[in-house]
N, C-alpha and C. Protein backbone atom coordinates (compact mmCIF):
# COMPACT_ATOMS: atom_id res chain seq x y z
N UNK A 1 11.25 -35.77 33.72
CA UNK A 1 11.50 -34.54 33.06
C UNK A 1 11.46 -33.39 33.88
N UNK A 2 12.53 -32.51 33.78
CA UNK A 2 12.44 -31.41 34.61
C UNK A 2 11.26 -30.35 34.28
N UNK A 3 10.81 -29.72 35.37
CA UNK A 3 9.66 -28.82 34.86
C UNK A 3 10.18 -27.49 34.34
N UNK A 4 9.50 -26.81 33.60
CA UNK A 4 9.71 -25.54 33.02
C UNK A 4 10.20 -24.53 34.07
N UNK A 5 9.31 -24.50 35.28
CA UNK A 5 9.59 -23.70 36.28
C UNK A 5 11.00 -23.95 36.96
N UNK A 6 11.24 -25.15 37.05
CA UNK A 6 12.54 -25.67 37.90
C UNK A 6 13.68 -25.25 36.99
N UNK A 7 13.54 -25.44 35.67
CA UNK A 7 14.65 -24.90 34.68
C UNK A 7 14.88 -23.54 34.73
N UNK A 8 13.68 -22.85 34.73
CA UNK A 8 13.97 -21.31 34.82
C UNK A 8 14.60 -20.87 36.12
N UNK A 9 14.11 -21.34 37.17
CA UNK A 9 14.65 -20.88 38.56
C UNK A 9 16.09 -21.27 38.70
N UNK A 10 16.48 -22.45 38.11
CA UNK A 10 18.00 -22.83 38.03
C UNK A 10 18.76 -21.82 37.23
N UNK A 11 18.23 -21.55 36.12
CA UNK A 11 19.09 -20.49 35.12
C UNK A 11 19.04 -19.30 35.64
N UNK A 12 18.01 -18.79 36.47
CA UNK A 12 18.07 -17.57 37.05
C UNK A 12 19.17 -17.50 38.21
N UNK A 13 19.11 -18.69 38.86
CA UNK A 13 20.38 -18.66 39.93
C UNK A 13 21.62 -18.81 39.25
N UNK A 14 21.90 -19.56 38.31
CA UNK A 14 23.28 -19.69 37.59
C UNK A 14 23.57 -18.40 36.92
N UNK A 15 22.87 -17.83 36.45
CA UNK A 15 23.10 -16.38 35.75
C UNK A 15 23.50 -15.34 36.90
N UNK A 16 22.87 -15.51 38.08
CA UNK A 16 23.05 -14.59 39.21
C UNK A 16 24.52 -14.83 39.71
N UNK A 17 24.81 -16.12 39.87
CA UNK A 17 26.03 -16.63 40.31
C UNK A 17 27.17 -16.18 39.36
N UNK A 18 26.76 -16.33 38.03
CA UNK A 18 27.90 -15.96 37.00
C UNK A 18 28.16 -14.49 36.99
N UNK A 19 27.17 -13.69 37.17
CA UNK A 19 27.35 -12.25 37.26
C UNK A 19 28.29 -11.87 38.38
N UNK A 20 28.04 -12.34 39.57
CA UNK A 20 28.82 -12.15 40.66
C UNK A 20 30.15 -12.73 40.77
N UNK A 21 30.28 -13.76 40.13
CA UNK A 21 31.52 -14.23 39.91
C UNK A 21 32.39 -13.39 39.08
N UNK A 22 31.76 -13.02 37.75
CA UNK A 22 32.44 -12.28 36.93
C UNK A 22 33.01 -10.82 37.67
N UNK A 23 32.13 -10.26 38.49
CA UNK A 23 32.39 -9.06 39.30
C UNK A 23 33.50 -9.26 40.07
N UNK A 24 33.64 -10.17 40.76
CA UNK A 24 34.64 -10.73 41.74
C UNK A 24 35.90 -10.87 40.90
N UNK A 25 35.71 -11.61 39.92
CA UNK A 25 37.05 -11.74 39.09
C UNK A 25 37.60 -10.43 38.52
N UNK A 26 36.90 -9.55 38.09
CA UNK A 26 37.37 -8.27 37.76
C UNK A 26 37.82 -7.41 38.71
N UNK A 27 37.28 -7.39 39.98
CA UNK A 27 37.72 -6.73 41.16
C UNK A 27 39.14 -7.48 41.54
N UNK A 28 39.08 -8.69 41.57
CA UNK A 28 40.46 -9.32 41.98
C UNK A 28 41.40 -9.04 41.22
N UNK A 29 41.29 -9.05 39.88
CA UNK A 29 42.33 -8.81 38.83
C UNK A 29 42.91 -7.54 39.07
N UNK A 30 42.13 -6.44 39.67
CA UNK A 30 42.75 -5.29 39.75
C UNK A 30 43.30 -5.02 41.24
N UNK A 31 42.78 -5.78 42.18
CA UNK A 31 43.11 -5.49 43.57
C UNK A 31 44.18 -6.31 44.19
N UNK A 32 44.81 -7.22 43.28
CA UNK A 32 45.80 -8.04 43.79
C UNK A 32 45.09 -9.05 44.85
N UNK A 33 45.66 -9.16 46.14
CA UNK A 33 45.19 -9.95 47.27
C UNK A 33 44.16 -9.48 48.10
N UNK A 34 43.69 -8.36 47.73
CA UNK A 34 42.68 -7.81 48.85
C UNK A 34 41.10 -8.31 48.56
N UNK A 35 40.92 -9.23 47.64
CA UNK A 35 39.83 -9.61 47.31
C UNK A 35 39.67 -11.01 47.49
N UNK A 36 40.61 -11.62 47.86
CA UNK A 36 40.64 -13.20 48.21
C UNK A 36 39.44 -13.90 48.53
N UNK A 37 38.93 -13.40 50.02
CA UNK A 37 37.83 -14.00 50.42
C UNK A 37 36.65 -14.04 49.40
N UNK A 38 36.28 -12.77 48.83
CA UNK A 38 35.05 -12.64 48.10
C UNK A 38 35.26 -13.71 46.60
N UNK A 39 36.59 -13.68 46.29
CA UNK A 39 36.81 -14.54 44.96
C UNK A 39 36.66 -15.98 45.62
N UNK A 40 37.05 -16.45 46.65
CA UNK A 40 36.68 -17.81 47.13
C UNK A 40 35.22 -18.04 47.14
N UNK A 41 34.61 -17.23 47.81
CA UNK A 41 33.03 -17.25 47.91
C UNK A 41 32.35 -17.46 46.62
N UNK A 42 32.98 -16.93 45.47
CA UNK A 42 32.32 -16.69 44.31
C UNK A 42 32.62 -18.16 43.72
N UNK A 43 33.89 -18.49 43.90
CA UNK A 43 34.27 -19.74 43.32
C UNK A 43 33.43 -20.93 43.93
N UNK A 44 33.00 -20.88 45.13
CA UNK A 44 32.38 -21.88 45.78
C UNK A 44 30.88 -21.91 45.27
N UNK A 45 30.42 -20.84 45.00
CA UNK A 45 29.01 -20.44 44.37
C UNK A 45 29.04 -21.17 43.08
N UNK A 46 29.92 -20.95 42.29
CA UNK A 46 30.14 -21.50 40.95
C UNK A 46 30.19 -23.04 40.99
N UNK A 47 30.91 -23.53 41.98
CA UNK A 47 30.90 -25.06 42.05
C UNK A 47 29.54 -25.61 42.48
N UNK A 48 29.00 -24.89 43.36
CA UNK A 48 27.58 -25.24 43.84
C UNK A 48 26.52 -25.33 42.49
N UNK A 49 26.73 -24.21 41.91
CA UNK A 49 25.84 -24.01 40.48
C UNK A 49 25.89 -25.20 39.63
N UNK A 50 27.37 -25.45 39.41
CA UNK A 50 27.83 -26.40 38.48
C UNK A 50 27.04 -27.84 38.97
N UNK A 51 27.21 -28.13 40.22
CA UNK A 51 26.73 -29.33 40.76
C UNK A 51 25.12 -29.21 40.60
N UNK A 52 24.47 -28.07 40.63
CA UNK A 52 23.04 -28.13 40.73
C UNK A 52 22.59 -28.39 39.10
N UNK A 53 23.49 -27.78 38.15
CA UNK A 53 23.19 -28.06 36.85
C UNK A 53 23.24 -29.53 36.53
N UNK A 54 24.20 -30.29 37.01
CA UNK A 54 24.60 -31.65 36.80
C UNK A 54 23.47 -32.45 37.41
N UNK A 55 23.04 -32.18 38.62
CA UNK A 55 21.76 -32.87 39.15
C UNK A 55 20.63 -32.67 38.29
N UNK A 56 20.35 -31.50 37.77
CA UNK A 56 19.08 -31.22 36.97
C UNK A 56 19.11 -32.13 35.67
N UNK A 57 20.44 -32.18 35.11
CA UNK A 57 20.58 -32.78 33.93
C UNK A 57 20.08 -34.42 34.01
N UNK A 58 20.22 -34.84 35.10
CA UNK A 58 19.75 -36.35 35.32
C UNK A 58 18.16 -36.54 35.24
N UNK A 59 17.31 -35.43 35.33
CA UNK A 59 15.87 -35.55 35.10
C UNK A 59 15.43 -34.76 33.92
N UNK A 60 16.25 -34.33 33.06
CA UNK A 60 15.90 -33.38 31.99
C UNK A 60 15.74 -34.24 30.64
N UNK A 61 14.99 -33.85 29.75
CA UNK A 61 14.83 -34.24 28.46
C UNK A 61 16.04 -33.72 27.50
N UNK A 62 15.99 -34.20 26.38
CA UNK A 62 17.35 -33.99 25.37
C UNK A 62 17.38 -32.36 25.37
N UNK A 63 16.33 -31.76 24.90
CA UNK A 63 16.48 -30.29 24.81
C UNK A 63 16.98 -29.71 26.19
N UNK A 64 16.51 -29.84 27.23
CA UNK A 64 16.86 -29.18 28.51
C UNK A 64 18.41 -29.69 28.76
N UNK A 65 18.83 -31.07 28.32
CA UNK A 65 20.17 -31.32 28.73
C UNK A 65 21.18 -30.52 27.85
N UNK A 66 20.67 -30.12 26.60
CA UNK A 66 21.38 -29.24 25.70
C UNK A 66 21.78 -27.88 26.44
N UNK A 67 20.74 -27.38 26.90
CA UNK A 67 20.71 -26.12 27.54
C UNK A 67 21.45 -26.06 28.73
N UNK A 68 21.51 -27.05 29.60
CA UNK A 68 22.16 -27.39 30.80
C UNK A 68 23.67 -27.50 30.47
N UNK A 69 23.91 -28.09 29.36
CA UNK A 69 25.37 -28.37 29.08
C UNK A 69 25.94 -27.00 28.67
N UNK A 70 25.20 -26.12 27.88
CA UNK A 70 25.75 -24.85 27.65
C UNK A 70 26.06 -24.03 28.95
N UNK A 71 25.03 -24.19 29.85
CA UNK A 71 25.24 -23.51 31.21
C UNK A 71 26.56 -24.07 31.80
N UNK A 72 26.64 -25.30 31.98
CA UNK A 72 27.67 -25.96 32.60
C UNK A 72 29.14 -25.57 31.82
N UNK A 73 29.14 -25.37 30.44
CA UNK A 73 30.37 -24.73 29.74
C UNK A 73 30.50 -23.34 30.24
N UNK A 74 29.66 -22.51 30.51
CA UNK A 74 29.79 -21.13 30.88
C UNK A 74 30.38 -21.06 32.18
N UNK A 75 29.75 -21.88 33.10
CA UNK A 75 30.27 -22.01 34.46
C UNK A 75 31.87 -22.50 34.45
N UNK A 76 32.09 -23.57 33.85
CA UNK A 76 33.53 -24.10 33.64
C UNK A 76 34.36 -23.05 33.23
N UNK A 77 33.97 -22.43 32.20
CA UNK A 77 34.86 -21.51 31.64
C UNK A 77 35.37 -20.49 32.52
N UNK A 78 34.31 -19.90 33.27
CA UNK A 78 34.64 -18.90 34.26
C UNK A 78 35.45 -19.52 35.49
N UNK A 79 35.13 -20.56 35.72
CA UNK A 79 35.82 -21.31 36.83
C UNK A 79 37.48 -21.41 36.57
N UNK A 80 37.74 -21.73 35.25
CA UNK A 80 38.92 -21.82 34.79
C UNK A 80 39.64 -20.65 34.69
N UNK A 81 39.05 -19.64 34.31
CA UNK A 81 39.51 -18.09 34.51
C UNK A 81 39.90 -17.60 35.76
N UNK A 82 39.08 -17.84 36.76
CA UNK A 82 39.39 -17.58 38.21
C UNK A 82 40.55 -18.33 38.79
N UNK A 83 40.51 -19.63 38.22
CA UNK A 83 41.83 -20.45 38.93
C UNK A 83 42.95 -19.90 38.34
N UNK A 84 43.10 -19.56 37.08
CA UNK A 84 44.29 -19.02 36.47
C UNK A 84 44.58 -17.56 36.96
N UNK A 85 43.74 -16.96 37.61
CA UNK A 85 44.03 -15.64 38.06
C UNK A 85 45.19 -15.45 39.10
N UNK A 86 46.18 -14.69 38.54
CA UNK A 86 47.46 -14.75 39.31
C UNK A 86 47.16 -13.98 40.78
N UNK A 87 46.82 -14.90 41.83
CA UNK A 87 46.70 -14.14 43.06
C UNK A 87 47.79 -14.26 44.17
């Protein structure tokens, strides 16, 4: 079972990555091609966070897996939006 502390740390990291990615998405949608590098970095961070969530799910209990699943869905949704952004 994943510890409470490890779950909290992961969620804090994921939320920070989501906030940054959302910011980069908004900036990129307004600036056309001028923010591509920052957007690419944010997308890599999202992918890393997604992988971390998947790894944590392997040692999580049922309740924790459900929380991790919701986080994974949030990450995927933003990844999809960023991928569809017309750059």
